[in-house]
Amino acid sequence: MAEQKSRDKEIYERLTRIETDLEHFEKQDESRDEQLAEIASKLDTLQLELSRYRGTVGGILLVVTAIVTAIKLFGDSLVSFFDK
């Protein structure tokens, strides 16, 4: 009988330890979920900013290439026009 009580006590202590560890892991999971949500939010913000800059840079490159193309195509005509 004493042996059974000793064994029951040991099982109870082990179970308590396991429950404590599980609570610790649950808290870590919640913290991890919050961190992942924060990271996802920051990535969305960065993606939005990069899209905005991509549009601006694309517009600038379009204008620059149009000017260079015009100079290449009509450069000789422009030089002869301004030489007069």
PDB file of N, CA and C in Angstrom:
ATOM      1  N   MET A   1       0.813  -1.181   0.000  1.00  0.00           N
ATOM      2  CA  MET A   1       0.000   0.000   0.000  1.00  0.00           C
ATOM      3  C   MET A   1       0.869   1.262   0.000  1.00  0.00           C
ATOM      4  N   ALA A   2       1.917   1.266   0.815  1.00  0.00           N
ATOM      5  CA  ALA A   2       2.824   2.409   0.858  1.00  0.00           C
ATOM      6  C   ALA A   2       3.529   2.570  -0.481  1.00  0.00           C
ATOM      7  N   GLU A   3       3.819   1.418  -1.090  1.00  0.00           N
ATOM      8  CA  GLU A   3       4.477   1.461  -2.399  1.00  0.00           C
ATOM      9  C   GLU A   3       3.548   2.076  -3.443  1.00  0.00           C
ATOM     10  N   GLN A   4       2.273   1.781  -3.358  1.00  0.00           N
ATOM     11  CA  GLN A   4       1.283   2.320  -4.309  1.00  0.00           C
ATOM     12  C   GLN A   4       1.159   3.827  -4.127  1.00  0.00           C
ATOM     13  N   LYS A   5       1.141   4.302  -2.868  1.00  0.00           N
ATOM     14  CA  LYS A   5       1.054   5.732  -2.599  1.00  0.00           C
ATOM     15  C   LYS A   5       2.298   6.445  -3.113  1.00  0.00           C
ATOM     16  N   SER A   6       3.459   5.837  -2.934  1.00  0.00           N
ATOM     17  CA  SER A   6       4.709   6.417  -3.427  1.00  0.00           C
ATOM     18  C   SER A   6       4.678   6.531  -4.943  1.00  0.00           C
ATOM     19  N   ARG A   7       4.176   5.474  -5.564  1.00  0.00           N
ATOM     20  CA  ARG A   7       4.106   5.488  -7.030  1.00  0.00           C
ATOM     21  C   ARG A   7       3.087   6.523  -7.512  1.00  0.00           C
ATOM     22  N   ASP A   8       1.949   6.623  -6.835  1.00  0.00           N
ATOM     23  CA  ASP A   8       0.938   7.620  -7.189  1.00  0.00           C
ATOM     24  C   ASP A   8       1.498   9.040  -7.053  1.00  0.00           C
ATOM     25  N   LYS A   9       2.263   9.259  -5.982  1.00  0.00           N
ATOM     26  CA  LYS A   9       2.856  10.565  -5.759  1.00  0.00           C
ATOM     27  C   LYS A   9       3.852  10.893  -6.880  1.00  0.00           C
ATOM     28  N   GLU A  10       4.654   9.915  -7.273  1.00  0.00           N
ATOM     29  CA  GLU A  10       5.626  10.116  -8.351  1.00  0.00           C
ATOM     30  C   GLU A  10       4.915  10.444  -9.667  1.00  0.00           C
ATOM     31  N   ILE A  11       3.843   9.726  -9.963  1.00  0.00           N
ATOM     32  CA  ILE A  11       3.076   9.974 -11.189  1.00  0.00           C
ATOM     33  C   ILE A  11       2.453  11.366 -11.138  1.00  0.00           C
ATOM     34  N   TYR A  12       1.927  11.744  -9.983  1.00  0.00           N
ATOM     35  CA  TYR A  12       1.331  13.068  -9.832  1.00  0.00           C
ATOM     36  C   TYR A  12       2.371  14.161 -10.059  1.00  0.00           C
ATOM     37  N   GLU A  13       3.582  14.006  -9.517  1.00  0.00           N
ATOM     38  CA  GLU A  13       4.646  14.984  -9.693  1.00  0.00           C
ATOM     39  C   GLU A  13       5.065  15.089 -11.160  1.00  0.00           C
ATOM     40  N   ARG A  14       5.167  13.942 -11.816  1.00  0.00           N
ATOM     41  CA  ARG A  14       5.515  13.952 -13.233  1.00  0.00           C
ATOM     42  C   ARG A  14       4.439  14.666 -14.053  1.00  0.00           C
ATOM     43  N   LEU A  15       3.192  14.377 -13.748  1.00  0.00           N
ATOM     44  CA  LEU A  15       2.082  14.997 -14.458  1.00  0.00           C
ATOM     45  C   LEU A  15       2.089  16.515 -14.250  1.00  0.00           C
ATOM     46  N   THR A  16       2.365  16.936 -13.042  1.00  0.00           N
ATOM     47  CA  THR A  16       2.442  18.359 -12.743  1.00  0.00           C
ATOM     48  C   THR A  16       3.559  19.019 -13.547  1.00  0.00           C
ATOM     49  N   ARG A  17       4.711  18.360 -13.617  1.00  0.00           N
ATOM     50  CA  ARG A  17       5.836  18.878 -14.393  1.00  0.00           C
ATOM     51  C   ARG A  17       5.467  19.013 -15.873  1.00  0.00           C
ATOM     52  N   ILE A  18       4.787  18.001 -16.391  1.00  0.00           N
ATOM     53  CA  ILE A  18       4.385  18.021 -17.799  1.00  0.00           C
ATOM     54  C   ILE A  18       3.399  19.156 -18.058  1.00  0.00           C
ATOM     55  N   GLU A  19       2.433  19.352 -17.160  1.00  0.00           N
ATOM     56  CA  GLU A  19       1.472  20.443 -17.318  1.00  0.00           C
ATOM     57  C   GLU A  19       2.173  21.800 -17.301  1.00  0.00           C
ATOM     58  N   THR A  20       3.147  21.956 -16.417  1.00  0.00           N
ATOM     59  CA  THR A  20       3.902  23.207 -16.351  1.00  0.00           C
ATOM     60  C   THR A  20       4.658  23.455 -17.655  1.00  0.00           C
ATOM     61  N   ASP A  21       5.283  22.413 -18.175  1.00  0.00           N
ATOM     62  CA  ASP A  21       6.006  22.553 -19.448  1.00  0.00           C
ATOM     63  C   ASP A  21       5.056  22.905 -20.587  1.00  0.00           C
ATOM     64  N   LEU A  22       3.881  22.297 -20.604  1.00  0.00           N
ATOM     65  CA  LEU A  22       2.909  22.582 -21.657  1.00  0.00           C
ATOM     66  C   LEU A  22       2.434  24.029 -21.593  1.00  0.00           C
ATOM     67  N   GLU A  23       2.216  24.533 -20.390  1.00  0.00           N
ATOM     68  CA  GLU A  23       1.817  25.935 -20.252  1.00  0.00           C
ATOM     69  C   GLU A  23       2.905  26.858 -20.786  1.00  0.00           C
ATOM     70  N   HIS A  24       4.145  26.510 -20.515  1.00  0.00           N
ATOM     71  CA  HIS A  24       5.276  27.302 -21.003  1.00  0.00           C
ATOM     72  C   HIS A  24       5.308  27.300 -22.528  1.00  0.00           C
ATOM     73  N   PHE A  25       5.091  26.140 -23.139  1.00  0.00           N
ATOM     74  CA  PHE A  25       5.091  26.045 -24.599  1.00  0.00           C
ATOM     75  C   PHE A  25       3.927  26.813 -25.208  1.00  0.00           C
ATOM     76  N   GLU A  26       2.767  26.792 -24.564  1.00  0.00           N
ATOM     77  CA  GLU A  26       1.609  27.536 -25.061  1.00  0.00           C
ATOM     78  C   GLU A  26       1.899  29.031 -25.064  1.00  0.00           C
ATOM     79  N   LYS A  27       2.549  29.518 -24.021  1.00  0.00           N
ATOM     80  CA  LYS A  27       2.902  30.938 -23.959  1.00  0.00           C
ATOM     81  C   LYS A  27       3.889  31.284 -25.068  1.00  0.00           C
ATOM     82  N   GLN A  28       4.839  30.396 -25.330  1.00  0.00           N
ATOM     83  CA  GLN A  28       5.799  30.633 -26.407  1.00  0.00           C
ATOM     84  C   GLN A  28       5.100  30.665 -27.753  1.00  0.00           C
ATOM     85  N   ASP A  29       4.119  29.790 -27.961  1.00  0.00           N
ATOM     86  CA  ASP A  29       3.371  29.760 -29.217  1.00  0.00           C
ATOM     87  C   ASP A  29       2.623  31.069 -29.433  1.00  0.00           C
ATOM     88  N   GLU A  30       2.004  31.596 -28.384  1.00  0.00           N
ATOM     89  CA  GLU A  30       1.290  32.864 -28.495  1.00  0.00           C
ATOM     90  C   GLU A  30       2.259  33.978 -28.842  1.00  0.00           C
ATOM     91  N   SER A  31       3.402  33.984 -28.188  1.00  0.00           N
ATOM     92  CA  SER A  31       4.416  35.000 -28.461  1.00  0.00           C
ATOM     93  C   SER A  31       4.914  34.878 -29.892  1.00  0.00           C
ATOM     94  N   ARG A  32       5.125  33.647 -30.348  1.00  0.00           N
ATOM     95  CA  ARG A  32       5.590  33.405 -31.711  1.00  0.00           C
ATOM     96  C   ARG A  32       4.548  33.881 -32.730  1.00  0.00           C
ATOM     97  N   ASP A  33       3.271  33.632 -32.441  1.00  0.00           N
ATOM     98  CA  ASP A  33       2.201  34.069 -33.339  1.00  0.00           C
ATOM     99  C   ASP A  33       2.169  35.593 -33.454  1.00  0.00           C
ATOM    100  N   GLU A  34       2.359  36.273 -32.317  1.00  0.00           N
ATOM    101  CA  GLU A  34       2.385  37.735 -32.329  1.00  0.00           C
ATOM    102  C   GLU A  34       3.571  38.242 -33.141  1.00  0.00           C
ATOM    103  N   GLN A  35       4.726  37.612 -32.979  1.00  0.00           N
ATOM    104  CA  GLN A  35       5.906  38.021 -33.727  1.00  0.00           C
ATOM    105  C   GLN A  35       5.713  37.800 -35.224  1.00  0.00           C
ATOM    106  N   LEU A  36       5.114  36.681 -35.601  1.00  0.00           N
ATOM    107  CA  LEU A  36       4.866  36.401 -37.014  1.00  0.00           C
ATOM    108  C   LEU A  36       3.883  37.411 -37.606  1.00  0.00           C
ATOM    109  N   ALA A  37       2.874  37.788 -36.845  1.00  0.00           N
ATOM    110  CA  ALA A  37       1.915  38.785 -37.327  1.00  0.00           C
ATOM    111  C   ALA A  37       2.596  40.138 -37.527  1.00  0.00           C
ATOM    112  N   GLU A  38       3.488  40.494 -36.604  1.00  0.00           N
ATOM    113  CA  GLU A  38       4.221  41.755 -36.713  1.00  0.00           C
ATOM    114  C   GLU A  38       5.145  41.739 -37.927  1.00  0.00           C
ATOM    115  N   ILE A  39       5.825  40.628 -38.151  1.00  0.00           N
ATOM    116  CA  ILE A  39       6.722  40.503 -39.304  1.00  0.00           C
ATOM    117  C   ILE A  39       5.929  40.582 -40.604  1.00  0.00           C
ATOM    118  N   ALA A  40       4.781  39.916 -40.656  1.00  0.00           N
ATOM    119  CA  ALA A  40       3.944  39.955 -41.859  1.00  0.00           C
ATOM    120  C   ALA A  40       3.476  41.374 -42.142  1.00  0.00           C
ATOM    121  N   SER A  41       3.131  42.102 -41.105  1.00  0.00           N
ATOM    122  CA  SER A  41       2.707  43.495 -41.267  1.00  0.00           C
ATOM    123  C   SER A  41       3.845  44.352 -41.832  1.00  0.00           C
ATOM    124  N   LYS A  42       5.042  44.155 -41.306  1.00  0.00           N
ATOM    125  CA  LYS A  42       6.191  44.920 -41.800  1.00  0.00           C
ATOM    126  C   LYS A  42       6.511  44.567 -43.254  1.00  0.00           C
ATOM    127  N   LEU A  43       6.388  43.300 -43.604  1.00  0.00           N
ATOM    128  CA  LEU A  43       6.633  42.891 -44.987  1.00  0.00           C
ATOM    129  C   LEU A  43       5.608  43.504 -45.939  1.00  0.00           C
ATOM    130  N   ASP A  44       4.364  43.577 -45.504  1.00  0.00           N
ATOM    131  CA  ASP A  44       3.342  44.213 -46.337  1.00  0.00           C
ATOM    132  C   ASP A  44       3.662  45.685 -46.567  1.00  0.00           C
ATOM    133  N   THR A  45       4.111  46.362 -45.519  1.00  0.00           N
ATOM    134  CA  THR A  45       4.475  47.771 -45.636  1.00  0.00           C
ATOM    135  C   THR A  45       5.649  47.949 -46.588  1.00  0.00           C
ATOM    136  N   LEU A  46       6.670  47.112 -46.454  1.00  0.00           N
ATOM    137  CA  LEU A  46       7.825  47.199 -47.347  1.00  0.00           C
ATOM    138  C   LEU A  46       7.429  46.935 -48.791  1.00  0.00           C
ATOM    139  N   GLN A  47       6.570  45.959 -49.009  1.00  0.00           N
ATOM    140  CA  GLN A  47       6.135  45.630 -50.366  1.00  0.00           C
ATOM    141  C   GLN A  47       5.374  46.806 -50.981  1.00  0.00           C
ATOM    142  N   LEU A  48       4.544  47.462 -50.209  1.00  0.00           N
ATOM    143  CA  LEU A  48       3.800  48.620 -50.695  1.00  0.00           C
ATOM    144  C   LEU A  48       4.750  49.752 -51.072  1.00  0.00           C
ATOM    145  N   GLU A  49       5.746  50.015 -50.231  1.00  0.00           N
ATOM    146  CA  GLU A  49       6.707  51.074 -50.519  1.00  0.00           C
ATOM    147  C   GLU A  49       7.535  50.749 -51.758  1.00  0.00           C
ATOM    148  N   LEU A  50       7.956  49.504 -51.889  1.00  0.00           N
ATOM    149  CA  LEU A  50       8.735  49.123 -53.070  1.00  0.00           C
ATOM    150  C   LEU A  50       7.903  49.227 -54.340  1.00  0.00           C
ATOM    151  N   SER A  51       6.641  48.903 -54.273  1.00  0.00           N
ATOM    152  CA  SER A  51       5.762  49.048 -55.437  1.00  0.00           C
ATOM    153  C   SER A  51       5.648  50.510 -55.839  1.00  0.00           C
ATOM    154  N   ARG A  52       5.539  51.375 -54.867  1.00  0.00           N
ATOM    155  CA  ARG A  52       5.455  52.806 -55.141  1.00  0.00           C
ATOM    156  C   ARG A  52       6.739  53.295 -55.800  1.00  0.00           C
ATOM    157  N   TYR A  53       7.899  52.892 -55.263  1.00  0.00           N
ATOM    158  CA  TYR A  53       9.173  53.317 -55.834  1.00  0.00           C
ATOM    159  C   TYR A  53       9.378  52.717 -57.220  1.00  0.00           C
ATOM    160  N   ARG A  54       8.920  51.495 -57.411  1.00  0.00           N
ATOM    161  CA  ARG A  54       9.057  50.849 -58.717  1.00  0.00           C
ATOM    162  C   ARG A  54       8.305  51.663 -59.766  1.00  0.00           C
ATOM    163  N   GLY A  55       7.136  52.155 -59.435  1.00  0.00           N
ATOM    164  CA  GLY A  55       6.364  52.979 -60.362  1.00  0.00           C
ATOM    165  C   GLY A  55       7.066  54.284 -60.671  1.00  0.00           C
ATOM    166  N   THR A  56       7.645  54.911 -59.661  1.00  0.00           N
ATOM    167  CA  THR A  56       8.363  56.172 -59.856  1.00  0.00           C
ATOM    168  C   THR A  56       9.594  55.965 -60.720  1.00  0.00           C
ATOM    169  N   VAL A  57      10.369  54.950 -60.405  1.00  0.00           N
ATOM    170  CA  VAL A  57      11.582  54.670 -61.172  1.00  0.00           C
ATOM    171  C   VAL A  57      11.226  54.293 -62.606  1.00  0.00           C
ATOM    172  N   GLY A  58      10.163  53.527 -62.790  1.00  0.00           N
ATOM    173  CA  GLY A  58       9.721  53.163 -64.136  1.00  0.00           C
ATOM    174  C   GLY A  58       9.338  54.386 -64.944  1.00  0.00           C
ATOM    175  N   GLY A  59       8.652  55.337 -64.328  1.00  0.00           N
ATOM    176  CA  GLY A  59       8.271  56.576 -65.013  1.00  0.00           C
ATOM    177  C   GLY A  59       9.486  57.393 -65.406  1.00  0.00           C
ATOM    178  N   ILE A  60      10.437  57.493 -64.509  1.00  0.00           N
ATOM    179  CA  ILE A  60      11.665  58.250 -64.806  1.00  0.00           C
ATOM    180  C   ILE A  60      12.426  57.585 -65.947  1.00  0.00           C
ATOM    181  N   LEU A  61      12.551  56.272 -65.900  1.00  0.00           N
ATOM    182  CA  LEU A  61      13.263  55.566 -66.974  1.00  0.00           C
ATOM    183  C   LEU A  61      12.545  55.716 -68.311  1.00  0.00           C
ATOM    184  N   LEU A  62      11.231  55.726 -68.308  1.00  0.00           N
ATOM    185  CA  LEU A  62      10.468  55.917 -69.538  1.00  0.00           C
ATOM    186  C   LEU A  62      10.770  57.277 -70.157  1.00  0.00           C
ATOM    187  N   VAL A  63      10.771  58.319 -69.332  1.00  0.00           N
ATOM    188  CA  VAL A  63      11.055  59.671 -69.834  1.00  0.00           C
ATOM    189  C   VAL A  63      12.485  59.759 -70.348  1.00  0.00           C
ATOM    190  N   VAL A  64      13.437  59.218 -69.595  1.00  0.00           N
ATOM    191  CA  VAL A  64      14.841  59.280 -70.005  1.00  0.00           C
ATOM    192  C   VAL A  64      15.059  58.535 -71.317  1.00  0.00           C
ATOM    193  N   THR A  65      14.484  57.343 -71.447  1.00  0.00           N
ATOM    194  CA  THR A  65      14.663  56.589 -72.694  1.00  0.00           C
ATOM    195  C   THR A  65      13.977  57.283 -73.861  1.00  0.00           C
ATOM    196  N   ALA A  66      12.859  57.963 -73.625  1.00  0.00           N
ATOM    197  CA  ALA A  66      12.199  58.711 -74.695  1.00  0.00           C
ATOM    198  C   ALA A  66      13.086  59.864 -75.161  1.00  0.00           C
ATOM    199  N   ILE A  67      13.712  60.565 -74.228  1.00  0.00           N
ATOM    200  CA  ILE A  67      14.601  61.675 -74.588  1.00  0.00           C
ATOM    201  C   ILE A  67      15.819  61.160 -75.340  1.00  0.00           C
ATOM    202  N   VAL A  68      16.428  60.089 -74.866  1.00  0.00           N
ATOM    203  CA  VAL A  68      17.610  59.528 -75.534  1.00  0.00           C
ATOM    204  C   VAL A  68      17.245  59.042 -76.935  1.00  0.00           C
ATOM    205  N   THR A  69      16.095  58.402 -77.065  1.00  0.00           N
ATOM    206  CA  THR A  69      15.657  57.925 -78.377  1.00  0.00           C
ATOM    207  C   THR A  69      15.430  59.092 -79.334  1.00  0.00           C
ATOM    208  N   ALA A  70      14.814  60.160 -78.833  1.00  0.00           N
ATOM    209  CA  ALA A  70      14.588  61.342 -79.675  1.00  0.00           C
ATOM    210  C   ALA A  70      15.912  61.952 -80.116  1.00  0.00           C
ATOM    211  N   ILE A  71      16.872  62.003 -79.211  1.00  0.00           N
ATOM    212  CA  ILE A  71      18.187  62.562 -79.564  1.00  0.00           C
ATOM    213  C   ILE A  71      18.874  61.674 -80.598  1.00  0.00           C
ATOM    214  N   LYS A  72      18.793  60.366 -80.413  1.00  0.00           N
ATOM    215  CA  LYS A  72      19.420  59.437 -81.368  1.00  0.00           C
ATOM    216  C   LYS A  72      18.769  59.535 -82.752  1.00  0.00           C
ATOM    217  N   LEU A  73      17.445  59.618 -82.791  1.00  0.00           N
ATOM    218  CA  LEU A  73      16.742  59.654 -84.072  1.00  0.00           C
ATOM    219  C   LEU A  73      16.875  61.009 -84.777  1.00  0.00           C
ATOM    220  N   PHE A  74      16.729  62.068 -84.012  1.00  0.00           N
ATOM    221  CA  PHE A  74      16.693  63.397 -84.612  1.00  0.00           C
ATOM    222  C   PHE A  74      17.909  64.245 -84.252  1.00  0.00           C
ATOM    223  N   GLY A  75      18.972  63.613 -83.767  1.00  0.00           N
ATOM    224  CA  GLY A  75      20.162  64.360 -83.345  1.00  0.00           C
ATOM    225  C   GLY A  75      20.791  65.151 -84.467  1.00  0.00           C
ATOM    226  N   ASP A  76      20.964  64.541 -85.606  1.00  0.00           N
ATOM    227  CA  ASP A  76      21.578  65.236 -86.744  1.00  0.00           C
ATOM    228  C   ASP A  76      20.709  66.397 -87.203  1.00  0.00           C
ATOM    229  N   SER A  77      19.423  66.201 -87.244  1.00  0.00           N
ATOM    230  CA  SER A  77      18.516  67.276 -87.667  1.00  0.00           C
ATOM    231  C   SER A  77      18.554  68.444 -86.658  1.00  0.00           C
ATOM    232  N   LEU A  78      18.605  68.102 -85.365  1.00  0.00           N
ATOM    233  CA  LEU A  78      18.673  69.151 -84.339  1.00  0.00           C
ATOM    234  C   LEU A  78      19.976  69.928 -84.421  1.00  0.00           C
ATOM    235  N   VAL A  79      21.073  69.231 -84.660  1.00  0.00           N
ATOM    236  CA  VAL A  79      22.371  69.915 -84.754  1.00  0.00           C
ATOM    237  C   VAL A  79      22.376  70.840 -85.959  1.00  0.00           C
ATOM    238  N   SER A  80      21.875  70.389 -87.099  1.00  0.00           N
ATOM    239  CA  SER A  80      21.863  71.241 -88.287  1.00  0.00           C
ATOM    240  C   SER A  80      20.890  72.409 -88.101  1.00  0.00           C
ATOM    241  N   PHE A  81      19.782  72.210 -87.380  1.00  0.00           N
ATOM    242  CA  PHE A  81      18.839  73.287 -87.146  1.00  0.00           C
ATOM    243  C   PHE A  81      19.449  74.390 -86.273  1.00  0.00           C
ATOM    244  N   PHE A  82      20.182  73.981 -85.217  1.00  0.00           N
ATOM    245  CA  PHE A  82      20.755  74.974 -84.316  1.00  0.00           C
ATOM    246  C   PHE A  82      22.059  75.561 -84.836  1.00  0.00           C
ATOM    247  N   ASP A  83      22.650  74.987 -85.857  1.00  0.00           N
ATOM    248  CA  ASP A  83      23.872  75.553 -86.443  1.00  0.00           C
ATOM    249  C   ASP A  83      23.582  76.774 -87.301  1.00  0.00           C
ATOM    250  N   LYS A  84      22.376  76.949 -87.738  1.00  0.00           N
ATOM    251  CA  LYS A  84      22.039  78.063 -88.608  1.00  0.00           C
ATOM    252  C   LYS A  84      22.106  79.381 -87.941  1.00  0.00           C
TER     253      LYS A  84
END
